[in-house]
Amino acid sequence: MQISKSSNKEITFKVHQSKQTNLLAACDTELVGKKLKGNNEEFYVNPRFYKEKQCNIDEIAKLMKICNAGNLIGKKIVKIAIKLGIVTEDNLIYIGSIPHAQYIIMNN
């Protein structure tokens, strides 16, 4: 699997932790604070939920591998999740042209 290397802070994220879950909330940086509109839906990319730190694609790929749940919005972040095999294109929803994915990884 090849993920393009980048030093840009293209992804904004926050990890929400509980006893059993590390939920990665991540989005393309340019979407933070935006209200996305689709046909019958609106989606607010809330900085309180998504924004704590920024990183590049390589860094977020490492983090995605250790978080057991995720809420992802944006073309870049969803593309990374697809390349890593965490989500599939069949399981995406779109708000306008922006992909959104959620995942949970169950361990035995």
PDB file of N, CA and C in Angstrom:
ATOM      1  N   MET A   1       0.839  -1.168   0.000  1.00  0.00           N
ATOM      2  CA  MET A   1       0.000   0.000   0.000  1.00  0.00           C
ATOM      3  C   MET A   1       0.882   1.228   0.000  1.00  0.00           C
ATOM      4  N   GLN A   2       0.619   2.158  -0.892  1.00  0.00           N
ATOM      5  CA  GLN A   2       1.410   3.377  -0.998  1.00  0.00           C
ATOM      6  C   GLN A   2       0.534   4.574  -0.671  1.00  0.00           C
ATOM      7  N   ILE A   3       0.976   5.357   0.291  1.00  0.00           N
ATOM      8  CA  ILE A   3       0.305   6.611   0.613  1.00  0.00           C
ATOM      9  C   ILE A   3       1.307   7.712   0.321  1.00  0.00           C
ATOM     10  N   SER A   4       0.868   8.721  -0.434  1.00  0.00           N
ATOM     11  CA  SER A   4       1.796   9.779  -0.809  1.00  0.00           C
ATOM     12  C   SER A   4       2.325  10.499   0.420  1.00  0.00           C
ATOM     13  N   LYS A   5       3.599  10.821   0.390  1.00  0.00           N
ATOM     14  CA  LYS A   5       4.230  11.515   1.511  1.00  0.00           C
ATOM     15  C   LYS A   5       3.977  13.006   1.384  1.00  0.00           C
ATOM     16  N   SER A   6       3.746  13.642   2.516  1.00  0.00           N
ATOM     17  CA  SER A   6       3.480  15.071   2.523  1.00  0.00           C
ATOM     18  C   SER A   6       3.893  15.653   3.859  1.00  0.00           C
ATOM     19  N   SER A   7       4.449  16.848   3.812  1.00  0.00           N
ATOM     20  CA  SER A   7       4.785  17.540   5.053  1.00  0.00           C
ATOM     21  C   SER A   7       3.713  18.572   5.405  1.00  0.00           C
ATOM     22  N   ASN A   8       2.730  18.743   4.526  1.00  0.00           N
ATOM     23  CA  ASN A   8       1.649  19.694   4.785  1.00  0.00           C
ATOM     24  C   ASN A   8       0.726  19.180   5.876  1.00  0.00           C
ATOM     25  N   LYS A   9       0.150  20.097   6.609  1.00  0.00           N
ATOM     26  CA  LYS A   9      -0.808  19.743   7.654  1.00  0.00           C
ATOM     27  C   LYS A   9      -2.205  19.701   7.014  1.00  0.00           C
ATOM     28  N   GLU A  10      -2.441  18.659   6.236  1.00  0.00           N
ATOM     29  CA  GLU A  10      -3.648  18.538   5.433  1.00  0.00           C
ATOM     30  C   GLU A  10      -4.853  18.017   6.202  1.00  0.00           C
ATOM     31  N   ILE A  11      -4.595  17.395   7.351  1.00  0.00           N
ATOM     32  CA  ILE A  11      -5.657  16.750   8.106  1.00  0.00           C
ATOM     33  C   ILE A  11      -5.743  17.368   9.505  1.00  0.00           C
ATOM     34  N   THR A  12      -6.964  17.636   9.936  1.00  0.00           N
ATOM     35  CA  THR A  12      -7.225  18.128  11.289  1.00  0.00           C
ATOM     36  C   THR A  12      -7.931  17.005  12.042  1.00  0.00           C
ATOM     37  N   PHE A  13      -7.546  16.806  13.304  1.00  0.00           N
ATOM     38  CA  PHE A  13      -8.124  15.676  14.026  1.00  0.00           C
ATOM     39  C   PHE A  13      -8.182  15.925  15.527  1.00  0.00           C
ATOM     40  N   LYS A  14      -8.984  15.073  16.158  1.00  0.00           N
ATOM     41  CA  LYS A  14      -9.064  15.013  17.612  1.00  0.00           C
ATOM     42  C   LYS A  14      -9.361  13.562  17.971  1.00  0.00           C
ATOM     43  N   VAL A  15      -8.688  13.055  18.992  1.00  0.00           N
ATOM     44  CA  VAL A  15      -8.959  11.701  19.465  1.00  0.00           C
ATOM     45  C   VAL A  15      -9.786  11.816  20.740  1.00  0.00           C
ATOM     46  N   HIS A  16     -10.959  11.208  20.702  1.00  0.00           N
ATOM     47  CA  HIS A  16     -11.863  11.169  21.853  1.00  0.00           C
ATOM     48  C   HIS A  16     -11.667   9.809  22.524  1.00  0.00           C
ATOM     49  N   GLN A  17     -11.258   9.813  23.778  1.00  0.00           N
ATOM     50  CA  GLN A  17     -10.935   8.563  24.460  1.00  0.00           C
ATOM     51  C   GLN A  17     -11.951   8.228  25.544  1.00  0.00           C
ATOM     52  N   SER A  18     -12.244   6.948  25.630  1.00  0.00           N
ATOM     53  CA  SER A  18     -13.021   6.404  26.736  1.00  0.00           C
ATOM     54  C   SER A  18     -12.301   5.132  27.174  1.00  0.00           C
ATOM     55  N   LYS A  19     -12.888   4.393  28.089  1.00  0.00           N
ATOM     56  CA  LYS A  19     -12.223   3.186  28.595  1.00  0.00           C
ATOM     57  C   LYS A  19     -11.856   2.199  27.493  1.00  0.00           C
ATOM     58  N   GLN A  20     -12.778   1.964  26.577  1.00  0.00           N
ATOM     59  CA  GLN A  20     -12.568   0.925  25.571  1.00  0.00           C
ATOM     60  C   GLN A  20     -12.415   1.452  24.158  1.00  0.00           C
ATOM     61  N   THR A  21     -12.562   2.743  23.964  1.00  0.00           N
ATOM     62  CA  THR A  21     -12.581   3.276  22.603  1.00  0.00           C
ATOM     63  C   THR A  21     -11.667   4.479  22.459  1.00  0.00           C
ATOM     64  N   ASN A  22     -10.931   4.474  21.367  1.00  0.00           N
ATOM     65  CA  ASN A  22     -10.219   5.654  20.900  1.00  0.00           C
ATOM     66  C   ASN A  22     -10.872   6.049  19.585  1.00  0.00           C
ATOM     67  N   LEU A  23     -11.734   7.057  19.637  1.00  0.00           N
ATOM     68  CA  LEU A  23     -12.469   7.511  18.458  1.00  0.00           C
ATOM     69  C   LEU A  23     -11.681   8.625  17.793  1.00  0.00           C
ATOM     70  N   LEU A  24     -11.295   8.397  16.548  1.00  0.00           N
ATOM     71  CA  LEU A  24     -10.600   9.388  15.757  1.00  0.00           C
ATOM     72  C   LEU A  24     -11.621  10.203  14.982  1.00  0.00           C
ATOM     73  N   ALA A  25     -11.717  11.482  15.290  1.00  0.00           N
ATOM     74  CA  ALA A  25     -12.534  12.413  14.506  1.00  0.00           C
ATOM     75  C   ALA A  25     -11.557  13.171  13.622  1.00  0.00           C
ATOM     76  N   ALA A  26     -11.640  12.991  12.314  1.00  0.00           N
ATOM     77  CA  ALA A  26     -10.660  13.591  11.406  1.00  0.00           C
ATOM     78  C   ALA A  26     -11.341  14.130  10.153  1.00  0.00           C
ATOM     79  N   CYS A  27     -10.797  15.243   9.674  1.00  0.00           N
ATOM     80  CA  CYS A  27     -11.346  15.856   8.467  1.00  0.00           C
ATOM     81  C   CYS A  27     -10.232  16.534   7.687  1.00  0.00           C
ATOM     82  N   ASP A  28     -10.511  16.814   6.432  1.00  0.00           N
ATOM     83  CA  ASP A  28      -9.611  17.636   5.641  1.00  0.00           C
ATOM     84  C   ASP A  28      -9.584  19.016   6.291  1.00  0.00           C
ATOM     85  N   THR A  29      -8.412  19.570   6.480  1.00  0.00           N
ATOM     86  CA  THR A  29      -8.247  20.813   7.225  1.00  0.00           C
ATOM     87  C   THR A  29      -9.124  21.944   6.705  1.00  0.00           C
ATOM     88  N   GLU A  30      -9.279  22.041   5.415  1.00  0.00           N
ATOM     89  CA  GLU A  30     -10.056  23.154   4.846  1.00  0.00           C
ATOM     90  C   GLU A  30     -11.556  23.070   5.151  1.00  0.00           C
ATOM     91  N   LEU A  31     -12.014  21.954   5.704  1.00  0.00           N
ATOM     92  CA  LEU A  31     -13.441  21.790   5.999  1.00  0.00           C
ATOM     93  C   LEU A  31     -13.824  22.226   7.412  1.00  0.00           C
ATOM     94  N   VAL A  32     -12.849  22.415   8.295  1.00  0.00           N
ATOM     95  CA  VAL A  32     -13.148  22.759   9.690  1.00  0.00           C
ATOM     96  C   VAL A  32     -13.968  24.048   9.755  1.00  0.00           C
ATOM     97  N   GLY A  33     -15.091  23.964  10.479  1.00  0.00           N
ATOM     98  CA  GLY A  33     -15.967  25.122  10.648  1.00  0.00           C
ATOM     99  C   GLY A  33     -16.931  25.367   9.509  1.00  0.00           C
ATOM    100  N   LYS A  34     -16.891  24.541   8.477  1.00  0.00           N
ATOM    101  CA  LYS A  34     -17.772  24.713   7.313  1.00  0.00           C
ATOM    102  C   LYS A  34     -19.088  23.965   7.515  1.00  0.00           C
ATOM    103  N   LYS A  35     -20.121  24.498   6.906  1.00  0.00           N
ATOM    104  CA  LYS A  35     -21.418  23.814   6.862  1.00  0.00           C
ATOM    105  C   LYS A  35     -21.574  23.252   5.455  1.00  0.00           C
ATOM    106  N   LEU A  36     -21.599  21.939   5.351  1.00  0.00           N
ATOM    107  CA  LEU A  36     -21.732  21.271   4.061  1.00  0.00           C
ATOM    108  C   LEU A  36     -23.205  21.032   3.784  1.00  0.00           C
ATOM    109  N   LYS A  37     -23.584  21.209   2.535  1.00  0.00           N
ATOM    110  CA  LYS A  37     -24.982  21.016   2.163  1.00  0.00           C
ATOM    111  C   LYS A  37     -25.087  19.991   1.060  1.00  0.00           C
ATOM    112  N   GLY A  38     -26.018  19.058   1.259  1.00  0.00           N
ATOM    113  CA  GLY A  38     -26.335  18.054   0.257  1.00  0.00           C
ATOM    114  C   GLY A  38     -27.735  18.300  -0.240  1.00  0.00           C
ATOM    115  N   ASN A  39     -28.353  17.267  -0.778  1.00  0.00           N
ATOM    116  CA  ASN A  39     -29.720  17.393  -1.292  1.00  0.00           C
ATOM    117  C   ASN A  39     -30.706  17.711  -0.171  1.00  0.00           C
ATOM    118  N   ASN A  40     -30.733  16.863   0.838  1.00  0.00           N
ATOM    119  CA  ASN A  40     -31.682  17.034   1.939  1.00  0.00           C
ATOM    120  C   ASN A  40     -31.002  17.092   3.295  1.00  0.00           C
ATOM    121  N   GLU A  41     -29.683  17.284   3.310  1.00  0.00           N
ATOM    122  CA  GLU A  41     -28.975  17.249   4.573  1.00  0.00           C
ATOM    123  C   GLU A  41     -27.957  18.381   4.663  1.00  0.00           C
ATOM    124  N   GLU A  42     -27.642  18.691   5.891  1.00  0.00           N
ATOM    125  CA  GLU A  42     -26.559  19.624   6.186  1.00  0.00           C
ATOM    126  C   GLU A  42     -25.640  18.937   7.184  1.00  0.00           C
ATOM    127  N   PHE A  43     -24.368  19.249   7.106  1.00  0.00           N
ATOM    128  CA  PHE A  43     -23.385  18.660   8.005  1.00  0.00           C
ATOM    129  C   PHE A  43     -22.431  19.760   8.415  1.00  0.00           C
ATOM    130  N   TYR A  44     -22.366  20.036   9.709  1.00  0.00           N
ATOM    131  CA  TYR A  44     -21.469  21.056  10.222  1.00  0.00           C
ATOM    132  C   TYR A  44     -20.202  20.373  10.719  1.00  0.00           C
ATOM    133  N   VAL A  45     -19.072  20.743  10.169  1.00  0.00           N
ATOM    134  CA  VAL A  45     -17.788  20.184  10.570  1.00  0.00           C
ATOM    135  C   VAL A  45     -17.329  20.980  11.793  1.00  0.00           C
ATOM    136  N   ASN A  46     -17.816  20.549  12.936  1.00  0.00           N
ATOM    137  CA  ASN A  46     -17.683  21.281  14.188  1.00  0.00           C
ATOM    138  C   ASN A  46     -16.252  21.240  14.728  1.00  0.00           C
ATOM    139  N   PRO A  47     -15.623  22.405  14.888  1.00  0.00           N
ATOM    140  CA  PRO A  47     -14.263  22.423  15.432  1.00  0.00           C
ATOM    141  C   PRO A  47     -14.154  21.795  16.819  1.00  0.00           C
ATOM    142  N   ARG A  48     -15.209  21.853  17.624  1.00  0.00           N
ATOM    143  CA  ARG A  48     -15.158  21.237  18.957  1.00  0.00           C
ATOM    144  C   ARG A  48     -15.006  19.728  18.871  1.00  0.00           C
ATOM    145  N   PHE A  49     -15.498  19.133  17.817  1.00  0.00           N
ATOM    146  CA  PHE A  49     -15.413  17.685  17.654  1.00  0.00           C
ATOM    147  C   PHE A  49     -14.173  17.264  16.862  1.00  0.00           C
ATOM    148  N   TYR A  50     -13.837  18.004  15.809  1.00  0.00           N
ATOM    149  CA  TYR A  50     -12.782  17.592  14.887  1.00  0.00           C
ATOM    150  C   TYR A  50     -11.425  18.253  15.116  1.00  0.00           C
ATOM    151  N   LYS A  51     -11.389  19.413  15.773  1.00  0.00           N
ATOM    152  CA  LYS A  51     -10.139  20.185  15.770  1.00  0.00           C
ATOM    153  C   LYS A  51      -9.432  20.182  17.119  1.00  0.00           C
ATOM    154  N   GLU A  52      -8.290  19.531  17.135  1.00  0.00           N
ATOM    155  CA  GLU A  52      -7.377  19.628  18.269  1.00  0.00           C
ATOM    156  C   GLU A  52      -5.952  19.799  17.749  1.00  0.00           C
ATOM    157  N   LYS A  53      -5.613  18.992  16.734  1.00  0.00           N
ATOM    158  CA  LYS A  53      -4.275  19.023  16.147  1.00  0.00           C
ATOM    159  C   LYS A  53      -4.381  18.916  14.634  1.00  0.00           C
ATOM    160  N   GLN A  54      -3.272  19.222  13.976  1.00  0.00           N
ATOM    161  CA  GLN A  54      -3.176  19.036  12.535  1.00  0.00           C
ATOM    162  C   GLN A  54      -1.976  18.156  12.240  1.00  0.00           C
ATOM    163  N   CYS A  55      -2.068  17.406  11.154  1.00  0.00           N
ATOM    164  CA  CYS A  55      -0.960  16.532  10.781  1.00  0.00           C
ATOM    165  C   CYS A  55      -0.967  16.288   9.287  1.00  0.00           C
ATOM    166  N   ASN A  56       0.058  15.586   8.833  1.00  0.00           N
ATOM    167  CA  ASN A  56       0.116  15.236   7.414  1.00  0.00           C
ATOM    168  C   ASN A  56      -0.474  13.845   7.195  1.00  0.00           C
ATOM    169  N   ILE A  57      -0.474  13.428   5.969  1.00  0.00           N
ATOM    170  CA  ILE A  57      -1.103  12.162   5.586  1.00  0.00           C
ATOM    171  C   ILE A  57      -0.411  10.965   6.232  1.00  0.00           C
ATOM    172  N   ASP A  58       0.913  10.982   6.285  1.00  0.00           N
ATOM    173  CA  ASP A  58       1.639   9.856   6.884  1.00  0.00           C
ATOM    174  C   ASP A  58       1.322   9.711   8.363  1.00  0.00           C
ATOM    175  N   GLU A  59       1.258  10.833   9.062  1.00  0.00           N
ATOM    176  CA  GLU A  59       0.981  10.806  10.503  1.00  0.00           C
ATOM    177  C   GLU A  59      -0.432  10.310  10.790  1.00  0.00           C
ATOM    178  N   ILE A  60      -1.411  10.760  10.005  1.00  0.00           N
ATOM    179  CA  ILE A  60      -2.788  10.334  10.261  1.00  0.00           C
ATOM    180  C   ILE A  60      -2.964   8.858   9.917  1.00  0.00           C
ATOM    181  N   ALA A  61      -2.242   8.358   8.925  1.00  0.00           N
ATOM    182  CA  ALA A  61      -2.331   6.933   8.576  1.00  0.00           C
ATOM    183  C   ALA A  61      -1.876   6.073   9.749  1.00  0.00           C
ATOM    184  N   LYS A  62      -0.821   6.482  10.428  1.00  0.00           N
ATOM    185  CA  LYS A  62      -0.346   5.749  11.608  1.00  0.00           C
ATOM    186  C   LYS A  62      -1.389   5.782  12.718  1.00  0.00           C
ATOM    187  N   LEU A  63      -1.983   6.942  12.922  1.00  0.00           N
ATOM    188  CA  LEU A  63      -2.984   7.099  13.974  1.00  0.00           C
ATOM    189  C   LEU A  63      -4.241   6.281  13.684  1.00  0.00           C
ATOM    190  N   MET A  64      -4.644   6.231  12.420  1.00  0.00           N
ATOM    191  CA  MET A  64      -5.838   5.460  12.049  1.00  0.00           C
ATOM    192  C   MET A  64      -5.665   3.980  12.367  1.00  0.00           C
ATOM    193  N   LYS A  65      -4.449   3.500  12.300  1.00  0.00           N
ATOM    194  CA  LYS A  65      -4.190   2.082  12.561  1.00  0.00           C
ATOM    195  C   LYS A  65      -4.324   1.723  14.037  1.00  0.00           C
ATOM    196  N   ILE A  66      -4.227   2.716  14.932  1.00  0.00           N
ATOM    197  CA  ILE A  66      -4.310   2.405  16.363  1.00  0.00           C
ATOM    198  C   ILE A  66      -5.632   2.837  17.003  1.00  0.00           C
ATOM    199  N   CYS A  67      -6.428   3.630  16.307  1.00  0.00           N
ATOM    200  CA  CYS A  67      -7.749   4.013  16.834  1.00  0.00           C
ATOM    201  C   CYS A  67      -8.767   2.970  16.405  1.00  0.00           C
ATOM    202  N   ASN A  68      -9.622   2.557  17.331  1.00  0.00           N
ATOM    203  CA  ASN A  68     -10.573   1.494  16.997  1.00  0.00           C
ATOM    204  C   ASN A  68     -11.929   2.005  16.534  1.00  0.00           C
ATOM    205  N   ALA A  69     -12.067   3.310  16.382  1.00  0.00           N
ATOM    206  CA  ALA A  69     -13.295   3.875  15.826  1.00  0.00           C
ATOM    207  C   ALA A  69     -12.947   5.193  15.153  1.00  0.00           C
ATOM    208  N   GLY A  70     -13.760   5.572  14.179  1.00  0.00           N
ATOM    209  CA  GLY A  70     -13.471   6.807  13.478  1.00  0.00           C
ATOM    210  C   GLY A  70     -14.692   7.454  12.867  1.00  0.00           C
ATOM    211  N   ASN A  71     -14.609   8.757  12.762  1.00  0.00           N
ATOM    212  CA  ASN A  71     -15.610   9.582  12.096  1.00  0.00           C
ATOM    213  C   ASN A  71     -14.817  10.488  11.172  1.00  0.00           C
ATOM    214  N   LEU A  72     -14.946  10.273   9.872  1.00  0.00           N
ATOM    215  CA  LEU A  72     -14.088  10.908   8.879  1.00  0.00           C
ATOM    216  C   LEU A  72     -14.917  11.699   7.872  1.00  0.00           C
ATOM    217  N   ILE A  73     -14.469  12.922   7.562  1.00  0.00           N
ATOM    218  CA  ILE A  73     -15.167  13.730   6.569  1.00  0.00           C
ATOM    219  C   ILE A  73     -14.131  14.439   5.694  1.00  0.00           C
ATOM    220  N   GLY A  74     -14.267  14.239   4.400  1.00  0.00           N
ATOM    221  CA  GLY A  74     -13.378  14.909   3.453  1.00  0.00           C
ATOM    222  C   GLY A  74     -12.759  13.942   2.466  1.00  0.00           C
ATOM    223  N   LYS A  75     -12.414  14.452   1.301  1.00  0.00           N
ATOM    224  CA  LYS A  75     -11.869  13.611   0.237  1.00  0.00           C
ATOM    225  C   LYS A  75     -10.515  13.015   0.605  1.00  0.00           C
ATOM    226  N   LYS A  76      -9.638  13.802   1.225  1.00  0.00           N
ATOM    227  CA  LYS A  76      -8.291  13.309   1.546  1.00  0.00           C
ATOM    228  C   LYS A  76      -8.334  12.243   2.631  1.00  0.00           C
ATOM    229  N   ILE A  77      -9.014  12.538   3.737  1.00  0.00           N
ATOM    230  CA  ILE A  77      -9.024  11.599   4.863  1.00  0.00           C
ATOM    231  C   ILE A  77      -9.735  10.297   4.512  1.00  0.00           C
ATOM    232  N   VAL A  78     -10.810  10.378   3.750  1.00  0.00           N
ATOM    233  CA  VAL A  78     -11.532   9.163   3.358  1.00  0.00           C
ATOM    234  C   VAL A  78     -10.697   8.341   2.373  1.00  0.00           C
ATOM    235  N   LYS A  79      -9.976   9.012   1.488  1.00  0.00           N
ATOM    236  CA  LYS A  79      -9.104   8.293   0.547  1.00  0.00           C
ATOM    237  C   LYS A  79      -8.036   7.499   1.303  1.00  0.00           C
ATOM    238  N   ILE A  80      -7.488   8.086   2.352  1.00  0.00           N
ATOM    239  CA  ILE A  80      -6.495   7.383   3.168  1.00  0.00           C
ATOM    240  C   ILE A  80      -7.114   6.142   3.807  1.00  0.00           C
ATOM    241  N   ALA A  81      -8.311   6.289   4.374  1.00  0.00           N
ATOM    242  CA  ALA A  81      -8.989   5.163   5.019  1.00  0.00           C
ATOM    243  C   ALA A  81      -9.278   4.042   4.025  1.00  0.00           C
ATOM    244  N   ILE A  82      -9.628   4.391   2.802  1.00  0.00           N
ATOM    245  CA  ILE A  82      -9.872   3.374   1.771  1.00  0.00           C
ATOM    246  C   ILE A  82      -8.565   2.656   1.436  1.00  0.00           C
ATOM    247  N   LYS A  83      -7.487   3.414   1.247  1.00  0.00           N
ATOM    248  CA  LYS A  83      -6.197   2.796   0.913  1.00  0.00           C
ATOM    249  C   LYS A  83      -5.697   1.881   2.022  1.00  0.00           C
ATOM    250  N   LEU A  84      -6.004   2.213   3.258  1.00  0.00           N
ATOM    251  CA  LEU A  84      -5.596   1.376   4.387  1.00  0.00           C
ATOM    252  C   LEU A  84      -6.523   0.177   4.585  1.00  0.00           C
ATOM    253  N   GLY A  85      -7.653   0.134   3.868  1.00  0.00           N
ATOM    254  CA  GLY A  85      -8.607  -0.966   4.015  1.00  0.00           C
ATOM    255  C   GLY A  85      -9.501  -0.840   5.232  1.00  0.00           C
ATOM    256  N   ILE A  86      -9.578   0.355   5.803  1.00  0.00           N
ATOM    257  CA  ILE A  86     -10.408   0.577   6.995  1.00  0.00           C
ATOM    258  C   ILE A  86     -11.865   0.774   6.619  1.00  0.00           C
ATOM    259  N   VAL A  87     -12.108   1.437   5.498  1.00  0.00           N
ATOM    260  CA  VAL A  87     -13.468   1.604   4.974  1.00  0.00           C
ATOM    261  C   VAL A  87     -13.451   1.251   3.494  1.00  0.00           C
ATOM    262  N   THR A  88     -14.635   1.029   2.945  1.00  0.00           N
ATOM    263  CA  THR A  88     -14.750   0.775   1.511  1.00  0.00           C
ATOM    264  C   THR A  88     -15.644   1.838   0.883  1.00  0.00           C
ATOM    265  N   GLU A  89     -15.495   2.008  -0.400  1.00  0.00           N
ATOM    266  CA  GLU A  89     -16.312   3.003  -1.111  1.00  0.00           C
ATOM    267  C   GLU A  89     -17.798   2.693  -1.003  1.00  0.00           C
ATOM    268  N   ASP A  90     -18.140   1.429  -0.870  1.00  0.00           N
ATOM    269  CA  ASP A  90     -19.545   1.030  -0.751  1.00  0.00           C
ATOM    270  C   ASP A  90     -20.199   1.548   0.523  1.00  0.00           C
ATOM    271  N   ASN A  91     -19.393   1.867   1.523  1.00  0.00           N
ATOM    272  CA  ASN A  91     -19.927   2.269   2.818  1.00  0.00           C
ATOM    273  C   ASN A  91     -19.862   3.771   3.067  1.00  0.00           C
ATOM    274  N   LEU A  92     -19.600   4.551   2.033  1.00  0.00           N
ATOM    275  CA  LEU A  92     -19.523   5.998   2.185  1.00  0.00           C
ATOM    276  C   LEU A  92     -20.889   6.630   1.997  1.00  0.00           C
ATOM    277  N   ILE A  93     -21.085   7.750   2.668  1.00  0.00           N
ATOM    278  CA  ILE A  93     -22.211   8.609   2.325  1.00  0.00           C
ATOM    279  C   ILE A  93     -21.603   9.923   1.842  1.00  0.00           C
ATOM    280  N   TYR A  94     -22.354  10.651   1.086  1.00  0.00           N
ATOM    281  CA  TYR A  94     -21.864  11.913   0.542  1.00  0.00           C
ATOM    282  C   TYR A  94     -22.774  13.046   0.978  1.00  0.00           C
ATOM    283  N   ILE A  95     -22.148  14.121   1.406  1.00  0.00           N
ATOM    284  CA  ILE A  95     -22.850  15.363   1.672  1.00  0.00           C
ATOM    285  C   ILE A  95     -22.420  16.278   0.538  1.00  0.00           C
ATOM    286  N   GLY A  96     -23.299  16.449  -0.437  1.00  0.00           N
ATOM    287  CA  GLY A  96     -22.878  17.091  -1.679  1.00  0.00           C
ATOM    288  C   GLY A  96     -21.844  16.191  -2.331  1.00  0.00           C
ATOM    289  N   SER A  97     -20.658  16.721  -2.572  1.00  0.00           N
ATOM    290  CA  SER A  97     -19.593  15.913  -3.187  1.00  0.00           C
ATOM    291  C   SER A  97     -18.551  15.446  -2.170  1.00  0.00           C
ATOM    292  N   ILE A  98     -18.801  15.683  -0.887  1.00  0.00           N
ATOM    293  CA  ILE A  98     -17.821  15.383   0.155  1.00  0.00           C
ATOM    294  C   ILE A  98     -18.142  14.033   0.805  1.00  0.00           C
ATOM    295  N   PRO A  99     -17.187  13.096   0.766  1.00  0.00           N
ATOM    296  CA  PRO A  99     -17.429  11.783   1.377  1.00  0.00           C
ATOM    297  C   PRO A  99     -17.318  11.821   2.901  1.00  0.00           C
ATOM    298  N   HIS A 100     -18.149  10.989   3.528  1.00  0.00           N
ATOM    299  CA  HIS A 100     -18.159  10.845   4.983  1.00  0.00           C
ATOM    300  C   HIS A 100     -18.174   9.354   5.293  1.00  0.00           C
ATOM    301  N   ALA A 101     -17.351   8.960   6.261  1.00  0.00           N
ATOM    302  CA  ALA A 101     -17.292   7.550   6.642  1.00  0.00           C
ATOM    303  C   ALA A 101     -17.174   7.434   8.155  1.00  0.00           C
ATOM    304  N   GLN A 102     -17.742   6.371   8.659  1.00  0.00           N
ATOM    305  CA  GLN A 102     -17.579   6.025  10.068  1.00  0.00           C
ATOM    306  C   GLN A 102     -17.125   4.575  10.117  1.00  0.00           C
ATOM    307  N   TYR A 103     -16.305   4.280  11.113  1.00  0.00           N
ATOM    308  CA  TYR A 103     -15.871   2.888  11.268  1.00  0.00           C
ATOM    309  C   TYR A 103     -15.695   2.543  12.728  1.00  0.00           C
ATOM    310  N   ILE A 104     -15.779   1.258  12.981  1.00  0.00           N
ATOM    311  CA  ILE A 104     -15.460   0.719  14.300  1.00  0.00           C
ATOM    312  C   ILE A 104     -14.766  -0.612  14.056  1.00  0.00           C
ATOM    313  N   ILE A 105     -13.712  -0.849  14.797  1.00  0.00           N
ATOM    314  CA  ILE A 105     -12.956  -2.098  14.667  1.00  0.00           C
ATOM    315  C   ILE A 105     -13.184  -2.901  15.946  1.00  0.00           C
ATOM    316  N   MET A 106     -13.730  -4.095  15.772  1.00  0.00           N
ATOM    317  CA  MET A 106     -14.028  -4.957  16.908  1.00  0.00           C
ATOM    318  C   MET A 106     -12.874  -5.937  17.082  1.00  0.00           C
ATOM    319  N   ASN A 107     -12.359  -5.992  18.286  1.00  0.00           N
ATOM    320  CA  ASN A 107     -11.293  -6.955  18.604  1.00  0.00           C
ATOM    321  C   ASN A 107     -11.865  -8.080  19.441  1.00  0.00           C
ATOM    322  N   ASN A 108     -11.393  -9.307  19.178  1.00  0.00           N
ATOM    323  CA  ASN A 108     -11.852 -10.453  19.957  1.00  0.00           C
ATOM    324  C   ASN A 108     -11.101 -10.548  21.260  1.00  0.00           C
TER     325      ASN A 108
END
